[in-house]
Amino acid sequence: MKAIALLEVQAMVAAIAGLDAMVKAADVKLIHVEKRLGGRLVTVVVEGEVSAVRAALEAGACEAAKVGNVKGTEVIARPHPDVMRFLTTG
């Protein structure tokens, strides 16, 4: 079953550290990066199997918290096609 995981952090360095941990921890693929406030608020989105995105998100949030503030995390199993379209636009 496909799923997505979202990790929102304060600061680009925390986002990169979190993303690195996510892709090393499980079989997930980066599908979207959203930068706001000049890169001070960054959301990374990965996709994969439910168990993989859960493991990746846990590892990513833990690593990101070491160098910045984690603002939010979420796993969405079987995301609706409209959600996926939102993540892959422009």
PDB file of N, CA and C in Angstrom:
ATOM      1  N   MET A   1       0.848  -1.178   0.000  1.00  0.00           N
ATOM      2  CA  MET A   1       0.000   0.000   0.000  1.00  0.00           C
ATOM      3  C   MET A   1       0.891   1.239   0.000  1.00  0.00           C
ATOM      4  N   LYS A   2       0.662   2.150  -0.897  1.00  0.00           N
ATOM      5  CA  LYS A   2       1.458   3.372  -0.992  1.00  0.00           C
ATOM      6  C   LYS A   2       1.027   4.376   0.075  1.00  0.00           C
ATOM      7  N   ALA A   3       1.988   5.184   0.488  1.00  0.00           N
ATOM      8  CA  ALA A   3       1.734   6.208   1.488  1.00  0.00           C
ATOM      9  C   ALA A   3       2.719   7.345   1.258  1.00  0.00           C
ATOM     10  N   ILE A   4       2.429   8.491   1.871  1.00  0.00           N
ATOM     11  CA  ILE A   4       3.356   9.613   1.870  1.00  0.00           C
ATOM     12  C   ILE A   4       3.620  10.016   3.312  1.00  0.00           C
ATOM     13  N   ALA A   5       4.793  10.573   3.536  1.00  0.00           N
ATOM     14  CA  ALA A   5       5.149  11.121   4.839  1.00  0.00           C
ATOM     15  C   ALA A   5       5.592  12.553   4.638  1.00  0.00           C
ATOM     16  N   LEU A   6       5.131  13.431   5.512  1.00  0.00           N
ATOM     17  CA  LEU A   6       5.486  14.840   5.457  1.00  0.00           C
ATOM     18  C   LEU A   6       6.265  15.206   6.711  1.00  0.00           C
ATOM     19  N   LEU A   7       7.380  15.883   6.520  1.00  0.00           N
ATOM     20  CA  LEU A   7       8.199  16.369   7.624  1.00  0.00           C
ATOM     21  C   LEU A   7       8.376  17.863   7.426  1.00  0.00           C
ATOM     22  N   GLU A   8       7.849  18.646   8.358  1.00  0.00           N
ATOM     23  CA  GLU A   8       7.968  20.103   8.276  1.00  0.00           C
ATOM     24  C   GLU A   8       8.871  20.579   9.398  1.00  0.00           C
ATOM     25  N   VAL A   9       9.903  21.326   9.005  1.00  0.00           N
ATOM     26  CA  VAL A   9      10.900  21.777   9.968  1.00  0.00           C
ATOM     27  C   VAL A   9      11.198  23.249   9.775  1.00  0.00           C
ATOM     28  N   GLN A  10      11.778  23.820  10.813  1.00  0.00           N
ATOM     29  CA  GLN A  10      12.216  25.208  10.737  1.00  0.00           C
ATOM     30  C   GLN A  10      13.697  25.182  10.418  1.00  0.00           C
ATOM     31  N   ALA A  11      14.073  25.669   9.254  1.00  0.00           N
ATOM     32  CA  ALA A  11      15.457  25.815   8.785  1.00  0.00           C
ATOM     33  C   ALA A  11      15.823  24.751   7.763  1.00  0.00           C
ATOM     34  N   MET A  12      16.515  25.193   6.746  1.00  0.00           N
ATOM     35  CA  MET A  12      16.939  24.319   5.655  1.00  0.00           C
ATOM     36  C   MET A  12      17.898  23.237   6.133  1.00  0.00           C
ATOM     37  N   VAL A  13      18.794  23.555   7.036  1.00  0.00           N
ATOM     38  CA  VAL A  13      19.753  22.558   7.530  1.00  0.00           C
ATOM     39  C   VAL A  13      19.018  21.397   8.189  1.00  0.00           C
ATOM     40  N   ALA A  14      18.012  21.689   8.989  1.00  0.00           N
ATOM     41  CA  ALA A  14      17.225  20.633   9.637  1.00  0.00           C
ATOM     42  C   ALA A  14      16.488  19.795   8.594  1.00  0.00           C
ATOM     43  N   ALA A  15      16.001  20.435   7.545  1.00  0.00           N
ATOM     44  CA  ALA A  15      15.302  19.705   6.484  1.00  0.00           C
ATOM     45  C   ALA A  15      16.233  18.736   5.773  1.00  0.00           C
ATOM     46  N   ILE A  16      17.430  19.191   5.471  1.00  0.00           N
ATOM     47  CA  ILE A  16      18.387  18.331   4.780  1.00  0.00           C
ATOM     48  C   ILE A  16      18.830  17.188   5.683  1.00  0.00           C
ATOM     49  N   ALA A  17      19.093  17.469   6.939  1.00  0.00           N
ATOM     50  CA  ALA A  17      19.471  16.409   7.882  1.00  0.00           C
ATOM     51  C   ALA A  17      18.346  15.386   8.028  1.00  0.00           C
ATOM     52  N   GLY A  18      17.115  15.880   8.143  1.00  0.00           N
ATOM     53  CA  GLY A  18      15.968  14.989   8.258  1.00  0.00           C
ATOM     54  C   GLY A  18      15.759  14.146   7.014  1.00  0.00           C
ATOM     55  N   LEU A  19      15.859  14.771   5.852  1.00  0.00           N
ATOM     56  CA  LEU A  19      15.679  14.048   4.596  1.00  0.00           C
ATOM     57  C   LEU A  19      16.768  12.990   4.416  1.00  0.00           C
ATOM     58  N   ASP A  20      17.987  13.325   4.741  1.00  0.00           N
ATOM     59  CA  ASP A  20      19.073  12.358   4.632  1.00  0.00           C
ATOM     60  C   ASP A  20      18.783  11.128   5.492  1.00  0.00           C
ATOM     61  N   ALA A  21      18.337  11.355   6.705  1.00  0.00           N
ATOM     62  CA  ALA A  21      18.002  10.233   7.598  1.00  0.00           C
ATOM     63  C   ALA A  21      16.827   9.428   7.049  1.00  0.00           C
ATOM     64  N   MET A  22      15.857  10.107   6.462  1.00  0.00           N
ATOM     65  CA  MET A  22      14.675   9.426   5.929  1.00  0.00           C
ATOM     66  C   MET A  22      15.036   8.460   4.808  1.00  0.00           C
ATOM     67  N   VAL A  23      15.820   8.938   3.846  1.00  0.00           N
ATOM     68  CA  VAL A  23      16.129   8.089   2.694  1.00  0.00           C
ATOM     69  C   VAL A  23      17.133   6.992   3.031  1.00  0.00           C
ATOM     70  N   LYS A  24      17.900   7.180   4.093  1.00  0.00           N
ATOM     71  CA  LYS A  24      18.815   6.135   4.540  1.00  0.00           C
ATOM     72  C   LYS A  24      18.112   5.081   5.393  1.00  0.00           C
ATOM     73  N   ALA A  25      17.046   5.471   6.074  1.00  0.00           N
ATOM     74  CA  ALA A  25      16.371   4.573   7.017  1.00  0.00           C
ATOM     75  C   ALA A  25      15.440   3.575   6.347  1.00  0.00           C
ATOM     76  N   ALA A  26      14.895   3.923   5.200  1.00  0.00           N
ATOM     77  CA  ALA A  26      13.878   3.057   4.586  1.00  0.00           C
ATOM     78  C   ALA A  26      13.831   3.281   3.084  1.00  0.00           C
ATOM     79  N   ASP A  27      13.120   2.405   2.410  1.00  0.00           N
ATOM     80  CA  ASP A  27      12.984   2.474   0.955  1.00  0.00           C
ATOM     81  C   ASP A  27      11.898   3.486   0.596  1.00  0.00           C
ATOM     82  N   VAL A  28      12.272   4.772   0.621  1.00  0.00           N
ATOM     83  CA  VAL A  28      11.351   5.856   0.285  1.00  0.00           C
ATOM     84  C   VAL A  28      12.001   6.738  -0.774  1.00  0.00           C
ATOM     85  N   LYS A  29      11.166   7.526  -1.433  1.00  0.00           N
ATOM     86  CA  LYS A  29      11.626   8.398  -2.513  1.00  0.00           C
ATOM     87  C   LYS A  29      11.108   9.816  -2.259  1.00  0.00           C
ATOM     88  N   LEU A  30      11.975  10.797  -2.398  1.00  0.00           N
ATOM     89  CA  LEU A  30      11.584  12.199  -2.274  1.00  0.00           C
ATOM     90  C   LEU A  30      10.692  12.567  -3.451  1.00  0.00           C
ATOM     91  N   ILE A  31       9.520  13.148  -3.163  1.00  0.00           N
ATOM     92  CA  ILE A  31       8.632  13.562  -4.250  1.00  0.00           C
ATOM     93  C   ILE A  31       8.331  15.057  -4.245  1.00  0.00           C
ATOM     94  N   HIS A  32       8.601  15.743  -3.130  1.00  0.00           N
ATOM     95  CA  HIS A  32       8.242  17.161  -3.095  1.00  0.00           C
ATOM     96  C   HIS A  32       9.011  17.872  -1.984  1.00  0.00           C
ATOM     97  N   VAL A  33       9.405  19.113  -2.260  1.00  0.00           N
ATOM     98  CA  VAL A  33      10.002  20.000  -1.257  1.00  0.00           C
ATOM     99  C   VAL A  33       9.284  21.335  -1.366  1.00  0.00           C
ATOM    100  N   GLU A  34       8.854  21.832  -0.244  1.00  0.00           N
ATOM    101  CA  GLU A  34       8.157  23.125  -0.202  1.00  0.00           C
ATOM    102  C   GLU A  34       8.931  24.047   0.731  1.00  0.00           C
ATOM    103  N   LYS A  35       9.377  25.206   0.214  1.00  0.00           N
ATOM    104  CA  LYS A  35      10.115  26.169   1.027  1.00  0.00           C
ATOM    105  C   LYS A  35       9.273  27.427   1.197  1.00  0.00           C
ATOM    106  N   ARG A  36       9.156  27.865   2.421  1.00  0.00           N
ATOM    107  CA  ARG A  36       8.408  29.089   2.737  1.00  0.00           C
ATOM    108  C   ARG A  36       9.273  29.999   3.599  1.00  0.00           C
ATOM    109  N   LEU A  37       8.917  31.223   3.635  1.00  0.00           N
ATOM    110  CA  LEU A  37       9.606  32.216   4.462  1.00  0.00           C
ATOM    111  C   LEU A  37      11.101  32.240   4.178  1.00  0.00           C
ATOM    112  N   GLY A  38      11.455  32.190   2.907  1.00  0.00           N
ATOM    113  CA  GLY A  38      12.846  32.255   2.508  1.00  0.00           C
ATOM    114  C   GLY A  38      13.663  31.052   2.939  1.00  0.00           C
ATOM    115  N   GLY A  39      13.022  29.912   3.049  1.00  0.00           N
ATOM    116  CA  GLY A  39      13.721  28.697   3.460  1.00  0.00           C
ATOM    117  C   GLY A  39      13.752  28.476   4.952  1.00  0.00           C
ATOM    118  N   ARG A  40      13.093  29.342   5.698  1.00  0.00           N
ATOM    119  CA  ARG A  40      13.066  29.168   7.156  1.00  0.00           C
ATOM    120  C   ARG A  40      12.053  28.118   7.586  1.00  0.00           C
ATOM    121  N   LEU A  41      11.096  27.787   6.715  1.00  0.00           N
ATOM    122  CA  LEU A  41      10.130  26.727   6.985  1.00  0.00           C
ATOM    123  C   LEU A  41      10.134  25.816   5.757  1.00  0.00           C
ATOM    124  N   VAL A  42      10.502  24.577   5.953  1.00  0.00           N
ATOM    125  CA  VAL A  42      10.673  23.645   4.842  1.00  0.00           C
ATOM    126  C   VAL A  42       9.885  22.372   5.124  1.00  0.00           C
ATOM    127  N   THR A  43       9.151  21.915   4.116  1.00  0.00           N
ATOM    128  CA  THR A  43       8.437  20.642   4.207  1.00  0.00           C
ATOM    129  C   THR A  43       8.982  19.715   3.131  1.00  0.00           C
ATOM    130  N   VAL A  44       9.356  18.501   3.544  1.00  0.00           N
ATOM    131  CA  VAL A  44       9.777  17.479   2.583  1.00  0.00           C
ATOM    132  C   VAL A  44       8.744  16.362   2.607  1.00  0.00           C
ATOM    133  N   VAL A  45       8.479  15.807   1.433  1.00  0.00           N
ATOM    134  CA  VAL A  45       7.484  14.743   1.303  1.00  0.00           C
ATOM    135  C   VAL A  45       8.154  13.560   0.610  1.00  0.00           C
ATOM    136  N   VAL A  46       8.018  12.387   1.222  1.00  0.00           N
ATOM    137  CA  VAL A  46       8.537  11.161   0.627  1.00  0.00           C
ATOM    138  C   VAL A  46       7.389  10.192   0.429  1.00  0.00           C
ATOM    139  N   GLU A  47       7.586   9.241  -0.495  1.00  0.00           N
ATOM    140  CA  GLU A  47       6.560   8.221  -0.692  1.00  0.00           C
ATOM    141  C   GLU A  47       7.191   6.846  -0.665  1.00  0.00           C
ATOM    142  N   GLY A  48       6.353   5.859  -0.379  1.00  0.00           N
ATOM    143  CA  GLY A  48       6.776   4.469  -0.333  1.00  0.00           C
ATOM    144  C   GLY A  48       5.669   3.644   0.296  1.00  0.00           C
ATOM    145  N   GLU A  49       6.020   2.451   0.736  1.00  0.00           N
ATOM    146  CA  GLU A  49       5.056   1.616   1.445  1.00  0.00           C
ATOM    147  C   GLU A  49       4.814   2.204   2.833  1.00  0.00           C
ATOM    148  N   VAL A  50       3.653   1.912   3.413  1.00  0.00           N
ATOM    149  CA  VAL A  50       3.273   2.511   4.700  1.00  0.00           C
ATOM    150  C   VAL A  50       4.349   2.286   5.759  1.00  0.00           C
ATOM    151  N   SER A  51       4.800   1.064   5.909  1.00  0.00           N
ATOM    152  CA  SER A  51       5.795   0.770   6.948  1.00  0.00           C
ATOM    153  C   SER A  51       7.097   1.525   6.687  1.00  0.00           C
ATOM    154  N   ALA A  52       7.472   1.662   5.434  1.00  0.00           N
ATOM    155  CA  ALA A  52       8.705   2.366   5.090  1.00  0.00           C
ATOM    156  C   ALA A  52       8.597   3.858   5.392  1.00  0.00           C
ATOM    157  N   VAL A  53       7.485   4.483   5.046  1.00  0.00           N
ATOM    158  CA  VAL A  53       7.369   5.924   5.302  1.00  0.00           C
ATOM    159  C   VAL A  53       7.257   6.205   6.794  1.00  0.00           C
ATOM    160  N   ARG A  54       6.642   5.309   7.541  1.00  0.00           N
ATOM    161  CA  ARG A  54       6.587   5.483   9.007  1.00  0.00           C
ATOM    162  C   ARG A  54       7.994   5.426   9.606  1.00  0.00           C
ATOM    163  N   ALA A  55       8.772   4.424   9.198  1.00  0.00           N
ATOM    164  CA  ALA A  55      10.141   4.301   9.700  1.00  0.00           C
ATOM    165  C   ALA A  55      10.984   5.493   9.274  1.00  0.00           C
ATOM    166  N   ALA A  56      10.839   5.913   8.031  1.00  0.00           N
ATOM    167  CA  ALA A  56      11.594   7.052   7.522  1.00  0.00           C
ATOM    168  C   ALA A  56      11.246   8.329   8.277  1.00  0.00           C
ATOM    169  N   LEU A  57       9.964   8.540   8.518  1.00  0.00           N
ATOM    170  CA  LEU A  57       9.532   9.753   9.207  1.00  0.00           C
ATOM    171  C   LEU A  57      10.054   9.793  10.639  1.00  0.00           C
ATOM    172  N   GLU A  58      10.022   8.670  11.301  1.00  0.00           N
ATOM    173  CA  GLU A  58      10.537   8.617  12.673  1.00  0.00           C
ATOM    174  C   GLU A  58      12.029   8.968  12.689  1.00  0.00           C
ATOM    175  N   ALA A  59      12.795   8.378  11.788  1.00  0.00           N
ATOM    176  CA  ALA A  59      14.229   8.658  11.717  1.00  0.00           C
ATOM    177  C   ALA A  59      14.491  10.108  11.325  1.00  0.00           C
ATOM    178  N   GLY A  60      13.736  10.602  10.349  1.00  0.00           N
ATOM    179  CA  GLY A  60      13.929  11.969   9.884  1.00  0.00           C
ATOM    180  C   GLY A  60      13.601  13.007  10.939  1.00  0.00           C
ATOM    181  N   ALA A  61      12.510  12.811  11.647  1.00  0.00           N
ATOM    182  CA  ALA A  61      12.119  13.762  12.686  1.00  0.00           C
ATOM    183  C   ALA A  61      13.138  13.774  13.825  1.00  0.00           C
ATOM    184  N   CYS A  62      13.636  12.600  14.172  1.00  0.00           N
ATOM    185  CA  CYS A  62      14.638  12.501  15.241  1.00  0.00           C
ATOM    186  C   CYS A  62      15.911  13.243  14.847  1.00  0.00           C
ATOM    187  N   GLU A  63      16.370  13.033  13.643  1.00  0.00           N
ATOM    188  CA  GLU A  63      17.608  13.675  13.185  1.00  0.00           C
ATOM    189  C   GLU A  63      17.421  15.186  13.010  1.00  0.00           C
ATOM    190  N   ALA A  64      16.299  15.595  12.443  1.00  0.00           N
ATOM    191  CA  ALA A  64      16.039  17.022  12.238  1.00  0.00           C
ATOM    192  C   ALA A  64      15.953  17.768  13.568  1.00  0.00           C
ATOM    193  N   ALA A  65      15.416  17.120  14.590  1.00  0.00           N
ATOM    194  CA  ALA A  65      15.273  17.752  15.899  1.00  0.00           C
ATOM    195  C   ALA A  65      16.618  18.039  16.546  1.00  0.00           C
ATOM    196  N   LYS A  66      17.656  17.338  16.110  1.00  0.00           N
ATOM    197  CA  LYS A  66      18.993  17.567  16.671  1.00  0.00           C
ATOM    198  C   LYS A  66      19.577  18.910  16.229  1.00  0.00           C
ATOM    199  N   VAL A  67      19.138  19.410  15.063  1.00  0.00           N
ATOM    200  CA  VAL A  67      19.723  20.649  14.538  1.00  0.00           C
ATOM    201  C   VAL A  67      18.706  21.764  14.312  1.00  0.00           C
ATOM    202  N   GLY A  68      17.436  21.513  14.563  1.00  0.00           N
ATOM    203  CA  GLY A  68      16.402  22.523  14.339  1.00  0.00           C
ATOM    204  C   GLY A  68      15.106  22.133  15.013  1.00  0.00           C
ATOM    205  N   ASN A  69      14.062  22.848  14.678  1.00  0.00           N
ATOM    206  CA  ASN A  69      12.749  22.603  15.266  1.00  0.00           C
ATOM    207  C   ASN A  69      11.861  21.861  14.290  1.00  0.00           C
ATOM    208  N   VAL A  70      11.303  20.744  14.729  1.00  0.00           N
ATOM    209  CA  VAL A  70      10.326  20.005  13.936  1.00  0.00           C
ATOM    210  C   VAL A  70       8.967  20.631  14.211  1.00  0.00           C
ATOM    211  N   LYS A  71       8.323  21.130  13.170  1.00  0.00           N
ATOM    212  CA  LYS A  71       7.039  21.798  13.316  1.00  0.00           C
ATOM    213  C   LYS A  71       5.855  20.852  13.123  1.00  0.00           C
ATOM    214  N   GLY A  72       6.032  19.800  12.322  1.00  0.00           N
ATOM    215  CA  GLY A  72       4.930  18.875  12.110  1.00  0.00           C
ATOM    216  C   GLY A  72       5.375  17.645  11.344  1.00  0.00           C
ATOM    217  N   THR A  73       4.679  16.547  11.600  1.00  0.00           N
ATOM    218  CA  THR A  73       4.913  15.296  10.874  1.00  0.00           C
ATOM    219  C   THR A  73       3.565  14.655  10.594  1.00  0.00           C
ATOM    220  N   GLU A  74       3.495  13.917   9.497  1.00  0.00           N
ATOM    221  CA  GLU A  74       2.239  13.234   9.158  1.00  0.00           C
ATOM    222  C   GLU A  74       2.510  12.116   8.168  1.00  0.00           C
ATOM    223  N   VAL A  75       1.832  11.002   8.359  1.00  0.00           N
ATOM    224  CA  VAL A  75       1.825   9.909   7.396  1.00  0.00           C
ATOM    225  C   VAL A  75       0.412   9.808   6.847  1.00  0.00           C
ATOM    226  N   ILE A  76       0.285   9.744   5.532  1.00  0.00           N
ATOM    227  CA  ILE A  76      -1.017   9.588   4.891  1.00  0.00           C
ATOM    228  C   ILE A  76      -0.964   8.321   4.045  1.00  0.00           C
ATOM    229  N   ALA A  77      -1.712   7.319   4.469  1.00  0.00           N
ATOM    230  CA  ALA A  77      -1.798   6.070   3.711  1.00  0.00           C
ATOM    231  C   ALA A  77      -2.809   6.248   2.583  1.00  0.00           C
ATOM    232  N   ARG A  78      -2.498   5.660   1.434  1.00  0.00           N
ATOM    233  CA  ARG A  78      -3.371   5.720   0.256  1.00  0.00           C
ATOM    234  C   ARG A  78      -3.873   7.143   0.000  1.00  0.00           C
ATOM    235  N   PRO A  79      -2.968   8.097  -0.236  1.00  0.00           N
ATOM    236  CA  PRO A  79      -3.418   9.476  -0.467  1.00  0.00           C
ATOM    237  C   PRO A  79      -4.314   9.566  -1.707  1.00  0.00           C
ATOM    238  N   HIS A  80      -5.293  10.422  -1.629  1.00  0.00           N
ATOM    239  CA  HIS A  80      -6.219  10.653  -2.739  1.00  0.00           C
ATOM    240  C   HIS A  80      -5.437  11.201  -3.934  1.00  0.00           C
ATOM    241  N   PRO A  81      -5.833  10.880  -5.150  1.00  0.00           N
ATOM    242  CA  PRO A  81      -5.137  11.394  -6.337  1.00  0.00           C
ATOM    243  C   PRO A  81      -5.038  12.924  -6.375  1.00  0.00           C
ATOM    244  N   ASP A  82      -6.016  13.627  -5.819  1.00  0.00           N
ATOM    245  CA  ASP A  82      -5.947  15.092  -5.790  1.00  0.00           C
ATOM    246  C   ASP A  82      -4.812  15.583  -4.890  1.00  0.00           C
ATOM    247  N   VAL A  83      -4.551  14.848  -3.820  1.00  0.00           N
ATOM    248  CA  VAL A  83      -3.424  15.208  -2.953  1.00  0.00           C
ATOM    249  C   VAL A  83      -2.118  15.031  -3.705  1.00  0.00           C
ATOM    250  N   MET A  84      -1.998  13.933  -4.424  1.00  0.00           N
ATOM    251  CA  MET A  84      -0.781  13.683  -5.193  1.00  0.00           C
ATOM    252  C   MET A  84      -0.607  14.722  -6.308  1.00  0.00           C
ATOM    253  N   ARG A  85      -1.700  15.125  -6.925  1.00  0.00           N
ATOM    254  CA  ARG A  85      -1.630  16.149  -7.958  1.00  0.00           C
ATOM    255  C   ARG A  85      -1.173  17.473  -7.360  1.00  0.00           C
ATOM    256  N   PHE A  86      -1.624  17.792  -6.175  1.00  0.00           N
ATOM    257  CA  PHE A  86      -1.207  19.005  -5.474  1.00  0.00           C
ATOM    258  C   PHE A  86       0.303  18.984  -5.235  1.00  0.00           C
ATOM    259  N   LEU A  87       0.838  17.817  -4.868  1.00  0.00           N
ATOM    260  CA  LEU A  87       2.255  17.715  -4.566  1.00  0.00           C
ATOM    261  C   LEU A  87       3.147  17.726  -5.801  1.00  0.00           C
ATOM    262  N   THR A  88       2.601  17.407  -6.958  1.00  0.00           N
ATOM    263  CA  THR A  88       3.431  17.326  -8.158  1.00  0.00           C
ATOM    264  C   THR A  88       3.217  18.494  -9.112  1.00  0.00           C
ATOM    265  N   THR A  89       2.462  19.497  -8.706  1.00  0.00           N
ATOM    266  CA  THR A  89       2.259  20.660  -9.582  1.00  0.00           C
ATOM    267  C   THR A  89       3.366  21.671  -9.375  1.00  0.00           C
ATOM    268  N   GLY A  90       3.614  22.446 -10.427  1.00  0.00           N
ATOM    269  CA  GLY A  90       4.495  23.566 -10.493  1.00  0.00           C
ATOM    270  C   GLY A  90       5.631  23.600  -9.574  1.00  0.00           C
TER     271      GLY A  90
END
